[in-house]
Amino acid sequence: MDSKATSSLPMIVFFGVILAFLMAFIFIAIYSQQLDLQVDEQAGALANNLAQAAFTSLSGGQPILSLPWDLGGSQYEIEIQENSVFVVKIIGGRRGGSEYSAVVNTAVAVENGDFSPGGQMYFMRNDDTIVVSAAPIKAPVENILPTPAGEPPEFYDFAKNNPREATAIGAAYFEARELHADETDIDVSAYKWENVNSLLVQIISGGSPFVVLRVTGNDNDMNVGMVERAWIVEHVENGESIDSPMPCPSPDNAYRSGWIYSPQDALDHLRSRTWQRKSNNIAVVVPVNASIEAAAVTTNVSTYPAWRITFESYVIFYEMNPWWEKDETPGFVFQSDPELKPVV
């Protein structure tokens, strides 16, 4: 064997070992950087998600954010600083001592600050402040529609016995209030069916005939919870004069005494609650721009005036008239598809 080749062999082995060591070192360094980057990305994303959930709560409802158990394998904690800054701190593992923050341009108040990894954070608007809590936030009492005191007015029994007529009259009454906001004494005095799906409603102001509105609806057989079918109002428009109308109890009297809910009342109430889908517990926020139509809903018990609220793939039917507690006949409150349940 050539002596030169023999003498150079140890050097080749030596350089091979050095090269392998360097490659391993570079691989470990790159892998370590990737792990650090994973912590950075997850912590930054969590801070941004906290601010986004807080911002979402400004439009109503109570968004819920599930917290991860760790961030890239590192332990963390959450703080709220300066009443508007969400801070994620790494307290153990990689990137220990690092902080990641996101700002929401609204004052934030902490109701329950026990923000534990694997837990949940709840957000709710209260006037000009965002309330944040590790437990469900109780909605302010004034946002929950109370049951009116005393006996209901005449329109209550009218709606109970004439649910489709009451539905159309309610739709016309609130449409007239919106279109003629300068009139402070809008009411309904009479109605008449044009055909099976079209009702003429006599609107009065100051006790005198003011305008006639035509309310047109159609039947919908789609099941929504316990609702088997519904007659849904599709149009409210100006109509012709009414000959030989049927007299109608005052919906204005019922509204002012709390025995009819306006479409805005129904939407505000739904948005003041926290909702979850029963099938998977996903939090659902009713948006401010949800569509609302009047509807007469039929269950296996009876037919009732209601408001139909729709957004995305959700359909909610909500009572137009509160149910009097002394009424022996069951009333209607709420049905939805997909099925929702209130958290608070």
Protein backbone atom coordinates (compact mmCIF):
# COMPACT_ATOMS: atom_id res chain seq x y z
CA MET A 1 0.00 0.00 0.00
CA ASP A 2 1.23 3.51 -0.79
CA SER A 3 2.64 5.10 2.39
CA LYS A 4 1.22 8.51 1.42
CA ALA A 5 -2.30 7.09 1.11
CA THR A 6 -1.89 5.34 4.44
CA SER A 7 -0.76 8.50 6.20
CA SER A 8 -3.59 10.62 4.73
CA LEU A 9 -6.37 8.22 5.83
CA PRO A 10 -6.54 9.48 9.45
CA MET A 11 -6.81 13.02 8.15
CA ILE A 12 -9.73 12.06 5.92
CA VAL A 13 -11.46 10.38 8.85
CA PHE A 14 -10.74 13.38 11.06
CA PHE A 15 -12.19 15.85 8.55
CA GLY A 16 -15.19 13.55 8.04
CA VAL A 17 -15.88 13.61 11.76
CA ILE A 18 -15.49 17.38 11.88
CA LEU A 19 -17.84 17.78 8.90
CA ALA A 20 -20.43 15.48 10.48
CA PHE A 21 -20.21 17.45 13.71
CA LEU A 22 -20.64 20.74 11.87
CA MET A 23 -23.63 19.38 9.92
CA ALA A 24 -25.21 18.12 13.15
CA PHE A 25 -24.55 21.48 14.81
CA ILE A 26 -26.11 23.37 11.90
CA PHE A 27 -29.11 21.01 11.89
CA ILE A 28 -29.60 21.41 15.64
CA ALA A 29 -29.28 25.19 15.35
CA ILE A 30 -31.82 25.34 12.52
CA TYR A 31 -34.19 22.99 14.37
CA SER A 32 -33.83 25.10 17.52
CA GLN A 33 -34.63 28.24 15.54
CA GLN A 34 -37.68 26.55 14.07
CA LEU A 35 -38.90 25.64 17.56
CA ASP A 36 -38.35 29.21 18.73
CA LEU A 37 -40.18 30.49 15.66
CA GLN A 38 -43.09 28.16 16.43
CA VAL A 39 -43.40 29.68 19.90
CA ASP A 40 -43.20 33.20 18.42
CA GLU A 41 -45.88 32.47 15.85
CA GLN A 42 -48.30 30.79 18.26
CA ALA A 43 -47.86 33.44 20.98
CA GLY A 44 -48.27 36.29 18.50
CA ALA A 45 -51.36 34.64 17.02
CA LEU A 46 -52.89 34.20 20.49
CA ALA A 47 -52.36 37.89 21.32
CA ASN A 48 -54.00 38.88 18.03
CA ASN A 49 -56.90 36.46 18.61
CA LEU A 50 -57.52 38.00 22.03
CA ALA A 51 -57.72 41.48 20.54
CA GLN A 52 -59.92 40.23 17.68
CA ALA A 53 -62.37 38.53 20.07
CA ALA A 54 -62.54 41.74 22.12
CA PHE A 55 -63.20 43.77 18.98
CA THR A 56 -65.91 41.31 17.86
CA SER A 57 -67.74 41.76 21.19
CA LEU A 58 -68.32 45.43 20.33
CA SER A 59 -70.97 44.32 17.83
CA GLY A 60 -72.84 42.36 20.52
CA GLY A 61 -73.07 38.91 21.98
CA GLN A 62 -70.40 37.23 24.06
CA PRO A 63 -67.55 35.75 21.99
CA ILE A 64 -65.65 32.88 23.61
CA LEU A 65 -61.98 32.10 22.94
CA SER A 66 -60.56 28.70 23.89
CA LEU A 67 -56.99 28.99 25.21
CA PRO A 68 -54.30 26.48 24.13
CA TRP A 69 -52.59 24.31 26.73
CA ASP A 70 -49.18 25.60 25.67
CA LEU A 71 -47.48 27.64 22.95
CA GLY A 72 -45.04 25.52 21.00
CA GLY A 73 -44.46 23.48 24.15
CA SER A 74 -43.78 26.54 26.32
CA GLN A 75 -45.78 27.65 29.34
CA TYR A 76 -47.47 31.06 29.20
CA GLU A 77 -49.75 33.47 31.00
CA ILE A 78 -52.06 36.28 29.88
CA GLU A 79 -52.15 39.81 31.25
CA ILE A 80 -54.12 42.91 30.32
CA GLN A 81 -52.04 46.04 30.66
CA GLU A 82 -52.99 49.70 30.50
CA ASN A 83 -56.66 48.67 30.17
CA SER A 84 -56.31 48.00 26.45
CA VAL A 85 -53.24 45.84 25.78
CA PHE A 86 -53.47 42.03 25.67
CA VAL A 87 -50.07 40.57 26.61
CA VAL A 88 -48.99 36.94 26.26
CA LYS A 89 -45.93 36.14 28.41
CA ILE A 90 -43.76 33.03 28.02
CA ILE A 91 -42.95 31.90 31.56
CA GLY A 92 -41.31 28.51 30.92
CA GLY A 93 -39.64 26.57 28.14
CA ARG A 94 -38.38 28.08 24.90
CA ARG A 95 -38.44 31.85 24.54
CA GLY A 96 -38.87 32.21 28.31
CA GLY A 97 -39.32 35.86 29.28
CA SER A 98 -40.58 36.89 25.84
CA GLU A 99 -43.76 38.97 25.57
CA TYR A 100 -46.23 39.35 22.68
CA SER A 101 -48.95 41.99 22.65
CA ALA A 102 -51.92 43.31 20.71
CA VAL A 103 -53.94 46.47 21.34
CA VAL A 104 -57.69 47.05 21.14
CA ASN A 105 -58.75 50.69 20.92
CA THR A 106 -61.39 50.41 23.64
CA ALA A 107 -61.16 50.28 27.41
CA VAL A 108 -60.96 46.72 28.74
CA ALA A 109 -62.13 45.71 32.24
CA VAL A 110 -61.31 42.35 33.83
CA GLU A 111 -64.15 40.64 35.70
CA ASN A 112 -62.39 37.32 36.40
CA GLY A 113 -58.67 37.23 35.64
CA ASP A 114 -58.04 33.52 36.20
CA PHE A 115 -56.95 32.98 32.60
CA SER A 116 -55.62 29.42 32.66
CA PRO A 117 -54.09 27.52 29.70
CA GLY A 118 -56.70 25.12 28.36
CA GLY A 119 -59.51 27.29 29.71
CA GLN A 120 -61.71 29.89 28.04
CA MET A 121 -61.96 33.66 27.88
CA TYR A 122 -65.27 35.48 27.53
CA PHE A 123 -65.78 38.96 26.07
CA MET A 124 -68.82 41.23 26.32
CA ARG A 125 -69.49 44.88 25.62
CA ASN A 126 -70.85 46.94 28.50
CA ASP A 127 -71.55 50.48 27.26
CA ASP A 128 -68.14 51.79 26.12
CA THR A 129 -66.12 49.08 27.87
CA ILE A 130 -65.19 45.52 26.92
CA VAL A 131 -65.57 43.16 29.87
CA VAL A 132 -63.16 40.18 29.85
CA SER A 133 -63.55 37.16 32.11
CA ALA A 134 -62.37 33.58 32.61
CA ALA A 135 -66.02 32.64 33.31
CA PRO A 136 -69.30 33.43 31.49
CA ILE A 137 -70.30 37.07 31.90
CA LYS A 138 -73.80 37.71 33.15
CA ALA A 139 -75.70 40.00 30.80
CA PRO A 140 -76.89 43.29 32.32
CA VAL A 141 -80.42 42.93 33.63
CA GLU A 142 -81.69 45.79 31.48
CA ASN A 143 -80.76 43.84 28.32
CA ILE A 144 -83.12 40.98 29.21
CA LEU A 145 -86.71 41.54 28.18
CA PRO A 146 -88.86 41.39 31.32
CA THR A 147 -92.33 39.88 31.53
CA PRO A 148 -94.76 42.82 31.70
CA ALA A 149 -96.59 43.37 34.95
CA GLY A 150 -100.34 43.14 35.22
CA GLU A 151 -102.86 41.67 32.82
CA PRO A 152 -102.21 41.90 29.08
CA PRO A 153 -104.23 44.27 26.87
CA GLU A 154 -106.92 43.24 24.42
CA PHE A 155 -104.40 42.68 21.63
CA TYR A 156 -102.96 39.71 23.59
CA ASP A 157 -106.13 37.63 23.21
CA PHE A 158 -106.56 38.86 19.65
CA ALA A 159 -103.08 37.59 18.77
CA LYS A 160 -103.73 34.31 20.54
CA ASN A 161 -106.92 33.69 18.55
CA ASN A 162 -105.81 35.32 15.27
CA PRO A 163 -102.06 34.67 15.06
CA ARG A 164 -101.64 35.22 11.33
CA GLU A 165 -103.62 38.47 11.41
CA ALA A 166 -101.65 39.64 14.48
CA THR A 167 -98.39 38.81 12.71
CA ALA A 168 -99.29 40.91 9.68
CA ILE A 169 -100.64 43.74 11.83
CA GLY A 170 -97.45 43.72 13.93
CA ALA A 171 -95.33 43.89 10.76
CA ALA A 172 -97.42 46.81 9.42
CA TYR A 173 -97.43 48.68 12.74
CA PHE A 174 -93.64 48.62 13.17
CA GLU A 175 -93.09 49.40 9.50
CA ALA A 176 -95.34 52.46 9.85
CA ARG A 177 -93.50 53.57 12.99
CA GLU A 178 -90.21 53.36 11.12
CA LEU A 179 -91.41 55.08 7.94
CA HIS A 180 -93.27 57.83 9.80
CA ALA A 181 -91.04 58.45 12.79
CA ASP A 182 -92.26 62.04 12.99
CA GLU A 183 -95.75 60.76 13.85
CA THR A 184 -95.87 60.06 17.59
CA ASP A 185 -99.29 58.37 17.72
CA ILE A 186 -99.18 55.70 15.03
CA ASP A 187 -101.64 52.83 15.60
CA VAL A 188 -103.77 50.27 13.75
CA SER A 189 -107.55 50.41 13.73
CA ALA A 190 -108.70 47.78 11.21
CA TYR A 191 -107.69 45.15 8.68
CA LYS A 192 -109.07 43.06 5.84
CA TRP A 193 -107.81 40.04 3.94
CA GLU A 194 -107.38 40.64 0.21
CA ASN A 195 -106.61 36.98 -0.39
CA VAL A 196 -105.16 34.05 1.51
CA ASN A 197 -101.69 35.65 1.71
CA SER A 198 -102.37 39.40 1.54
CA LEU A 199 -103.75 41.53 4.37
CA LEU A 200 -104.66 45.23 4.19
CA VAL A 201 -103.95 47.14 7.42
CA GLN A 202 -105.45 50.54 8.25
CA ILE A 203 -102.82 52.72 9.93
CA ILE A 204 -104.16 55.68 11.90
CA SER A 205 -102.50 58.75 13.37
CA GLY A 206 -104.20 60.89 15.96
CA GLY A 207 -107.19 58.56 15.69
CA SER A 208 -107.74 59.34 12.00
CA PRO A 209 -107.00 57.18 8.94
CA PHE A 210 -103.43 57.84 7.84
CA VAL A 211 -102.31 55.19 5.37
CA VAL A 212 -103.17 51.64 4.30
CA LEU A 213 -100.39 49.08 4.17
CA ARG A 214 -100.51 45.79 2.30
CA VAL A 215 -98.77 42.90 4.06
CA THR A 216 -97.94 39.90 1.89
CA GLY A 217 -96.61 36.59 3.14
CA ASN A 218 -96.05 33.02 2.05
CA ASP A 219 -95.98 29.62 3.68
CA ASN A 220 -92.66 27.92 4.42
CA ASP A 221 -92.65 24.23 5.39
CA MET A 222 -89.03 24.07 6.60
CA ASN A 223 -88.83 22.67 10.13
CA VAL A 224 -86.99 24.87 12.63
CA GLY A 225 -86.76 23.04 15.94
CA MET A 226 -90.32 22.50 17.11
CA VAL A 227 -91.69 24.85 14.42
CA GLU A 228 -93.31 22.68 11.77
CA ARG A 229 -94.12 25.47 9.32
CA ALA A 230 -94.39 29.24 9.19
CA TRP A 231 -96.24 31.96 7.31
CA ILE A 232 -93.49 34.52 6.67
CA VAL A 233 -94.10 38.18 5.80
CA GLU A 234 -92.21 39.03 2.60
CA HIS A 235 -93.49 42.50 1.69
CA VAL A 236 -95.02 45.52 3.44
CA GLU A 237 -96.06 48.21 0.97
CA ASN A 238 -98.66 50.88 0.39
CA GLY A 239 -102.12 49.48 -0.31
CA GLU A 240 -105.54 50.69 -1.37
CA SER A 241 -108.43 51.82 0.80
CA ILE A 242 -110.28 49.18 2.82
CA ASP A 243 -113.99 48.51 2.36
CA SER A 244 -115.87 46.90 5.28
CA PRO A 245 -112.76 46.26 7.42
CA MET A 246 -112.58 44.22 10.61
CA PRO A 247 -111.83 46.26 13.75
CA CYS A 248 -108.49 45.61 15.45
CA PRO A 249 -107.39 46.08 19.08
CA SER A 250 -104.60 48.61 19.50
CA PRO A 251 -101.11 47.19 18.91
CA ASP A 252 -99.70 50.55 20.01
CA ASN A 253 -101.25 50.12 23.44
CA ALA A 254 -99.78 46.62 23.63
CA TYR A 255 -96.33 47.82 22.54
CA ARG A 256 -96.19 50.70 24.99
CA SER A 257 -97.15 48.37 27.86
CA GLY A 258 -94.54 45.77 26.87
CA TRP A 259 -96.88 43.16 25.40
CA ILE A 260 -95.47 43.29 21.87
CA TYR A 261 -91.75 43.15 21.11
CA SER A 262 -90.46 45.17 18.19
CA PRO A 263 -88.03 43.56 15.74
CA GLN A 264 -85.25 45.63 17.32
CA ASP A 265 -86.27 44.41 20.80
CA ALA A 266 -85.97 40.82 19.61
CA LEU A 267 -82.59 41.41 17.98
CA ASP A 268 -81.19 43.31 20.97
CA HIS A 269 -82.28 40.53 23.32
CA LEU A 270 -80.72 37.79 21.21
CA ARG A 271 -77.49 39.77 20.87
CA SER A 272 -77.29 40.36 24.63
CA ARG A 273 -77.04 36.62 25.25
CA THR A 274 -74.24 34.13 24.71
CA TRP A 275 -75.25 31.25 22.43
CA GLN A 276 -73.69 27.89 21.57
CA ARG A 277 -74.58 25.27 18.99
CA LYS A 278 -75.82 22.20 20.86
CA SER A 279 -74.14 19.86 18.39
CA ASN A 280 -70.56 21.04 18.96
CA ASN A 281 -70.62 23.89 21.54
CA ILE A 282 -69.30 26.42 19.03
CA ALA A 283 -69.99 29.97 20.20
CA VAL A 284 -72.49 31.88 18.03
CA VAL A 285 -72.82 35.66 17.92
CA VAL A 286 -76.00 37.13 16.43
CA PRO A 287 -74.79 39.94 14.13
CA VAL A 288 -76.15 43.46 14.18
CA ASN A 289 -77.19 43.19 10.52
CA ALA A 290 -79.22 39.97 10.85
CA SER A 291 -82.38 39.91 8.71
CA ILE A 292 -85.73 40.12 10.54
CA GLU A 293 -89.20 39.31 9.25
CA ALA A 294 -92.52 38.79 10.98
CA ALA A 295 -93.80 35.21 10.89
CA ALA A 296 -96.72 33.19 12.19
CA VAL A 297 -95.14 29.94 13.42
CA THR A 298 -96.97 26.66 13.87
CA THR A 299 -95.88 24.00 16.37
CA ASN A 300 -97.61 20.82 17.46
CA VAL A 301 -99.49 22.96 20.01
CA SER A 302 -100.71 26.08 18.20
CA THR A 303 -99.77 29.00 15.93
CA TYR A 304 -98.07 32.11 17.31
CA PRO A 305 -96.85 35.52 16.07
CA ALA A 306 -93.05 35.63 16.04
CA TRP A 307 -89.98 37.31 14.58
CA ARG A 308 -87.80 35.35 12.16
CA ILE A 309 -84.11 36.26 12.51
CA THR A 310 -81.70 34.86 9.90
CA PHE A 311 -77.94 35.15 9.40
CA GLU A 312 -75.39 32.87 7.72
CA SER A 313 -76.94 29.37 7.97
CA TYR A 314 -78.94 30.13 11.13
CA VAL A 315 -82.70 30.59 11.47
CA ILE A 316 -84.20 31.75 14.77
CA PHE A 317 -87.85 32.24 15.63
CA TYR A 318 -88.40 34.55 18.61
CA GLU A 319 -91.66 35.49 20.31
CA MET A 320 -93.44 38.63 19.15
CA ASN A 321 -95.74 38.58 22.20
CA PRO A 322 -94.50 37.59 25.67
CA TRP A 323 -96.34 34.71 27.29
CA TRP A 324 -98.53 35.71 30.24
CA GLU A 325 -97.67 33.49 33.19
CA LYS A 326 -101.34 33.08 34.14
CA ASP A 327 -102.27 31.90 30.65
CA GLU A 328 -103.12 28.20 30.83
CA THR A 329 -102.37 27.76 27.11
CA PRO A 330 -98.67 27.23 26.34
CA GLY A 331 -96.95 30.15 24.64
CA PHE A 332 -94.03 30.40 22.26
CA VAL A 333 -90.57 31.74 23.11
CA PHE A 334 -87.69 30.53 20.94
CA GLN A 335 -86.74 27.89 18.37
CA SER A 336 -83.70 27.70 16.11
CA ASP A 337 -81.93 25.70 13.42
CA PRO A 338 -79.18 24.66 13.95
CA GLU A 339 -80.27 24.22 17.56
CA LEU A 340 -78.80 26.84 19.88
CA LYS A 341 -78.63 26.99 23.65
CA PRO A 342 -78.05 30.09 25.80
CA VAL A 343 -74.89 30.07 27.94
CA VAL A 344 -75.89 33.11 29.99
